[in-house]
Amino acid sequence: MSTIRVVWGTASGPTKMSSYDAALADANVHNYNLVSVSSVIPADTPVETVGTAPDLGSAGNRLTVVEARATRAGPGHVSAGLGWSESDGAGLFYEASGETDAAEIEARVRAGLAAGRKLRDWDFFGEGTKIVTADAESGTYVTALVLAVYGESEPIC
């Protein structure tokens, strides 16, 4: 059984992409090719909040993720958040991000989870969230991100 790890990072840089790459480095997933999936947790897969990813395989491998990400030029701030709700079988993630504060992002995440639970005939238990914020200084870009990382990386070719 694989584990889904919730990781996060924030960083600034001289360009949008450099701030994103640095935020991925902060979460230790910068050496993988990320493949985004929709927000369903496979049946019987545990979710762990770890902050920084462990070694998940060789550089350049494919890594499956659900990603909440916000990037902007300074001055200003961004927030990104991920929430999850598990059931006796599968579960659900919900992500939100934007140029707003943590409280607004958390409210969006919780509202999304509630709506997603209503669509499914599953017995949900518990709920977790992780919200991060970052400030950008004038002349820089900033990225805040939270990712759910599915298992280990896999070779692309």
C-alpha atoms as a PDB file:
ATOM      1  CA  MET A   1       0.000   0.000   0.000  1.00  0.00           C
ATOM      2  CA  SER A   2       1.318   3.429  -0.987  1.00  0.00           C
ATOM      3  CA  THR A   3       1.093   6.523   1.140  1.00  0.00           C
ATOM      4  CA  ILE A   4       0.008   9.980   0.052  1.00  0.00           C
ATOM      5  CA  ARG A   5       2.202  12.644   1.620  1.00  0.00           C
ATOM      6  CA  VAL A   6       1.085  16.253   2.042  1.00  0.00           C
ATOM      7  CA  VAL A   7       4.054  18.583   1.460  1.00  0.00           C
ATOM      8  CA  TRP A   8       4.357  22.347   1.091  1.00  0.00           C
ATOM      9  CA  GLY A   9       6.727  25.114   0.201  1.00  0.00           C
ATOM     10  CA  THR A  10       7.046  28.848  -0.305  1.00  0.00           C
ATOM     11  CA  ALA A  11       9.738  30.817  -2.081  1.00  0.00           C
ATOM     12  CA  SER A  12      10.516  33.946  -4.029  1.00  0.00           C
ATOM     13  CA  GLY A  13      12.560  34.474  -7.165  1.00  0.00           C
ATOM     14  CA  PRO A  14      13.222  36.878 -10.028  1.00  0.00           C
ATOM     15  CA  THR A  15      10.648  35.178 -12.328  1.00  0.00           C
ATOM     16  CA  LYS A  16       7.366  33.272 -11.939  1.00  0.00           C
ATOM     17  CA  MET A  17       9.006  29.977 -12.867  1.00  0.00           C
ATOM     18  CA  SER A  18      12.033  30.478 -10.610  1.00  0.00           C
ATOM     19  CA  SER A  19       9.796  31.176  -7.609  1.00  0.00           C
ATOM     20  CA  TYR A  20       7.752  28.048  -8.436  1.00  0.00           C
ATOM     21  CA  ASP A  21      10.895  25.912  -8.792  1.00  0.00           C
ATOM     22  CA  ALA A  22      12.243  27.248  -5.488  1.00  0.00           C
ATOM     23  CA  ALA A  23       8.917  26.497  -3.721  1.00  0.00           C
ATOM     24  CA  LEU A  24       9.060  22.950  -5.128  1.00  0.00           C
ATOM     25  CA  ALA A  25      12.615  22.725  -3.737  1.00  0.00           C
ATOM     26  CA  ASP A  26      11.321  23.886  -0.349  1.00  0.00           C
ATOM     27  CA  ALA A  27       8.952  20.879  -0.439  1.00  0.00           C
ATOM     28  CA  ASN A  28      11.729  18.616  -1.882  1.00  0.00           C
ATOM     29  CA  VAL A  29       9.844  17.694  -5.066  1.00  0.00           C
ATOM     30  CA  HIS A  30      11.785  19.921  -7.486  1.00  0.00           C
ATOM     31  CA  ASN A  31      13.645  17.104  -9.229  1.00  0.00           C
ATOM     32  CA  TYR A  32      10.545  15.294 -10.503  1.00  0.00           C
ATOM     33  CA  ASN A  33       8.166  15.769 -13.422  1.00  0.00           C
ATOM     34  CA  LEU A  34       4.843  16.443 -11.720  1.00  0.00           C
ATOM     35  CA  VAL A  35       1.684  14.919 -13.149  1.00  0.00           C
ATOM     36  CA  SER A  36      -1.493  16.488 -11.764  1.00  0.00           C
ATOM     37  CA  VAL A  37      -4.553  14.362 -11.119  1.00  0.00           C
ATOM     38  CA  SER A  38      -8.034  15.174  -9.927  1.00  0.00           C
ATOM     39  CA  SER A  39      -8.734  14.975  -6.267  1.00  0.00           C
ATOM     40  CA  VAL A  40      -9.774  11.424  -5.370  1.00  0.00           C
ATOM     41  CA  ILE A  41      -7.825   9.484  -2.763  1.00  0.00           C
ATOM     42  CA  PRO A  42      -7.577   5.818  -3.829  1.00  0.00           C
ATOM     43  CA  ALA A  43      -9.263   3.300  -1.527  1.00  0.00           C
ATOM     44  CA  ASP A  44      -7.365   2.338   1.605  1.00  0.00           C
ATOM     45  CA  THR A  45      -4.514   4.812   0.995  1.00  0.00           C
ATOM     46  CA  PRO A  46      -3.288   6.636   4.101  1.00  0.00           C
ATOM     47  CA  VAL A  47      -2.606  10.388   4.026  1.00  0.00           C
ATOM     48  CA  GLU A  48       0.340  11.740   6.057  1.00  0.00           C
ATOM     49  CA  THR A  49       1.205  15.402   6.638  1.00  0.00           C
ATOM     50  CA  VAL A  50       4.999  15.550   6.333  1.00  0.00           C
ATOM     51  CA  GLY A  51       5.928  19.068   5.169  1.00  0.00           C
ATOM     52  CA  THR A  52       8.997  18.053   3.172  1.00  0.00           C
ATOM     53  CA  ALA A  53       9.024  14.993   0.935  1.00  0.00           C
ATOM     54  CA  PRO A  54      11.552  12.233   1.537  1.00  0.00           C
ATOM     55  CA  ASP A  55      13.580  10.820  -1.365  1.00  0.00           C
ATOM     56  CA  LEU A  56      10.919   9.484  -3.747  1.00  0.00           C
ATOM     57  CA  GLY A  57      13.125   8.115  -6.518  1.00  0.00           C
ATOM     58  CA  SER A  58      15.405   9.193  -9.330  1.00  0.00           C
ATOM     59  CA  ALA A  59      15.575  12.733 -10.695  1.00  0.00           C
ATOM     60  CA  GLY A  60      13.431  13.183 -13.786  1.00  0.00           C
ATOM     61  CA  ASN A  61      10.892  10.542 -12.777  1.00  0.00           C
ATOM     62  CA  ARG A  62       7.140  11.134 -12.964  1.00  0.00           C
ATOM     63  CA  LEU A  63       5.464  12.017  -9.650  1.00  0.00           C
ATOM     64  CA  THR A  64       1.675  12.053  -9.316  1.00  0.00           C
ATOM     65  CA  VAL A  65       0.281  14.989  -7.321  1.00  0.00           C
ATOM     66  CA  VAL A  66      -2.757  17.073  -6.441  1.00  0.00           C
ATOM     67  CA  GLU A  67      -1.490  20.661  -6.338  1.00  0.00           C
ATOM     68  CA  ALA A  68      -2.698  23.926  -4.848  1.00  0.00           C
ATOM     69  CA  ARG A  69      -0.472  26.752  -6.100  1.00  0.00           C
ATOM     70  CA  ALA A  70      -0.478  30.533  -6.272  1.00  0.00           C
ATOM     71  CA  THR A  71       2.200  32.784  -7.791  1.00  0.00           C
ATOM     72  CA  ARG A  72       2.311  36.566  -8.092  1.00  0.00           C
ATOM     73  CA  ALA A  73       4.599  39.535  -8.545  1.00  0.00           C
ATOM     74  CA  GLY A  74       5.310  41.738  -5.572  1.00  0.00           C
ATOM     75  CA  PRO A  75       4.385  43.601  -3.639  1.00  0.00           C
ATOM     76  CA  GLY A  76       1.595  41.425  -2.313  1.00  0.00           C
ATOM     77  CA  HIS A  77       0.890  38.000  -0.932  1.00  0.00           C
ATOM     78  CA  VAL A  78      -0.481  34.612  -1.981  1.00  0.00           C
ATOM     79  CA  SER A  79      -2.013  31.659  -0.186  1.00  0.00           C
ATOM     80  CA  ALA A  80      -2.510  28.026  -1.183  1.00  0.00           C
ATOM     81  CA  GLY A  81      -4.368  25.298   0.627  1.00  0.00           C
ATOM     82  CA  LEU A  82      -5.242  21.650   0.418  1.00  0.00           C
ATOM     83  CA  GLY A  83      -7.881  19.820   2.400  1.00  0.00           C
ATOM     84  CA  TRP A  84      -8.733  16.148   2.617  1.00  0.00           C
ATOM     85  CA  SER A  85     -11.450  13.937   3.947  1.00  0.00           C
ATOM     86  CA  GLU A  86     -11.122  10.173   4.164  1.00  0.00           C
ATOM     87  CA  SER A  87     -13.738   7.449   4.250  1.00  0.00           C
ATOM     88  CA  ASP A  88     -13.775   3.708   4.885  1.00  0.00           C
ATOM     89  CA  GLY A  89     -12.760   3.325   1.245  1.00  0.00           C
ATOM     90  CA  ALA A  90     -11.661   6.155  -1.015  1.00  0.00           C
ATOM     91  CA  GLY A  91     -11.329   9.791   0.002  1.00  0.00           C
ATOM     92  CA  LEU A  92     -11.232  13.262  -1.401  1.00  0.00           C
ATOM     93  CA  PHE A  93      -8.871  16.237  -1.720  1.00  0.00           C
ATOM     94  CA  TYR A  94      -9.880  19.810  -2.426  1.00  0.00           C
ATOM     95  CA  GLU A  95      -7.463  22.587  -3.326  1.00  0.00           C
ATOM     96  CA  ALA A  96      -7.736  26.379  -3.427  1.00  0.00           C
ATOM     97  CA  SER A  97      -5.298  29.238  -3.961  1.00  0.00           C
ATOM     98  CA  GLY A  98      -5.149  32.931  -4.735  1.00  0.00           C
ATOM     99  CA  GLU A  99      -3.994  36.408  -3.884  1.00  0.00           C
ATOM    100  CA  THR A 100      -5.813  36.416  -0.577  1.00  0.00           C
ATOM    101  CA  ASP A 101      -5.268  35.480   3.050  1.00  0.00           C
ATOM    102  CA  ALA A 102      -5.131  32.080   4.709  1.00  0.00           C
ATOM    103  CA  ALA A 103      -8.603  32.404   6.263  1.00  0.00           C
ATOM    104  CA  GLU A 104     -10.251  32.896   2.845  1.00  0.00           C
ATOM    105  CA  ILE A 105      -8.385  29.917   1.365  1.00  0.00           C
ATOM    106  CA  GLU A 106      -9.288  27.705   4.313  1.00  0.00           C
ATOM    107  CA  ALA A 107     -12.966  28.668   3.957  1.00  0.00           C
ATOM    108  CA  ARG A 108     -12.841  27.774   0.231  1.00  0.00           C
ATOM    109  CA  VAL A 109     -11.156  24.440   0.953  1.00  0.00           C
ATOM    110  CA  ARG A 110     -13.690  23.485   3.632  1.00  0.00           C
ATOM    111  CA  ALA A 111     -16.625  24.529   1.418  1.00  0.00           C
ATOM    112  CA  GLY A 112     -15.216  22.471  -1.459  1.00  0.00           C
ATOM    113  CA  LEU A 113     -14.776  19.416   0.730  1.00  0.00           C
ATOM    114  CA  ALA A 114     -18.335  19.730   2.005  1.00  0.00           C
ATOM    115  CA  ALA A 115     -19.663  19.966  -1.552  1.00  0.00           C
ATOM    116  CA  GLY A 116     -17.545  16.999  -2.660  1.00  0.00           C
ATOM    117  CA  ARG A 117     -18.777  14.855   0.222  1.00  0.00           C
ATOM    118  CA  LYS A 118     -22.385  15.593  -0.754  1.00  0.00           C
ATOM    119  CA  LEU A 119     -21.711  14.178  -4.232  1.00  0.00           C
ATOM    120  CA  ARG A 120     -20.527  10.831  -2.885  1.00  0.00           C
ATOM    121  CA  ASP A 121     -22.358   8.111  -1.008  1.00  0.00           C
ATOM    122  CA  TRP A 122     -19.376   7.384   1.248  1.00  0.00           C
ATOM    123  CA  ASP A 123     -19.073   7.444   5.032  1.00  0.00           C
ATOM    124  CA  PHE A 124     -16.488  10.176   5.591  1.00  0.00           C
ATOM    125  CA  PHE A 125     -14.587  10.664   8.826  1.00  0.00           C
ATOM    126  CA  GLY A 126     -12.227  13.425   9.819  1.00  0.00           C
ATOM    127  CA  GLU A 127     -10.923  16.322   7.827  1.00  0.00           C
ATOM    128  CA  GLY A 128      -7.464  17.810   7.502  1.00  0.00           C
ATOM    129  CA  THR A 129      -6.176  21.029   5.962  1.00  0.00           C
ATOM    130  CA  LYS A 130      -2.853  22.668   5.275  1.00  0.00           C
ATOM    131  CA  ILE A 131      -2.713  26.337   4.263  1.00  0.00           C
ATOM    132  CA  VAL A 132       0.461  28.303   3.462  1.00  0.00           C
ATOM    133  CA  THR A 133       0.991  31.973   2.684  1.00  0.00           C
ATOM    134  CA  ALA A 134       3.913  33.968   1.352  1.00  0.00           C
ATOM    135  CA  ASP A 135       4.686  37.634   0.788  1.00  0.00           C
ATOM    136  CA  ALA A 136       6.373  39.052  -2.315  1.00  0.00           C
ATOM    137  CA  GLU A 137       8.610  42.060  -2.172  1.00  0.00           C
ATOM    138  CA  SER A 138       8.600  44.588  -4.986  1.00  0.00           C
ATOM    139  CA  GLY A 139      10.642  43.341  -7.939  1.00  0.00           C
ATOM    140  CA  THR A 140      10.249  39.644  -7.088  1.00  0.00           C
ATOM    141  CA  TYR A 141       7.728  36.863  -7.578  1.00  0.00           C
ATOM    142  CA  VAL A 142       6.485  34.567  -4.843  1.00  0.00           C
ATOM    143  CA  THR A 143       4.893  31.107  -4.901  1.00  0.00           C
ATOM    144  CA  ALA A 144       2.994  29.257  -2.192  1.00  0.00           C
ATOM    145  CA  LEU A 145       2.079  25.622  -2.794  1.00  0.00           C
ATOM    146  CA  VAL A 146       0.689  22.562  -1.064  1.00  0.00           C
ATOM    147  CA  LEU A 147       0.814  19.169  -2.766  1.00  0.00           C
ATOM    148  CA  ALA A 148      -0.552  15.725  -2.094  1.00  0.00           C
ATOM    149  CA  VAL A 149       2.178  13.410  -3.404  1.00  0.00           C
ATOM    150  CA  TYR A 150       0.981   9.940  -4.395  1.00  0.00           C
ATOM    151  CA  GLY A 151       3.490   7.220  -3.461  1.00  0.00           C
ATOM    152  CA  GLU A 152       6.924   7.051  -5.077  1.00  0.00           C
ATOM    153  CA  SER A 153       8.081   8.428  -8.413  1.00  0.00           C
ATOM    154  CA  GLU A 154       8.105   6.258 -11.548  1.00  0.00           C
ATOM    155  CA  PRO A 155      10.339   6.304 -14.634  1.00  0.00           C
ATOM    156  CA  ILE A 156       8.900   8.213 -17.586  1.00  0.00           C
ATOM    157  CA  CYS A 157      10.652   6.075 -20.183  1.00  0.00           C
END
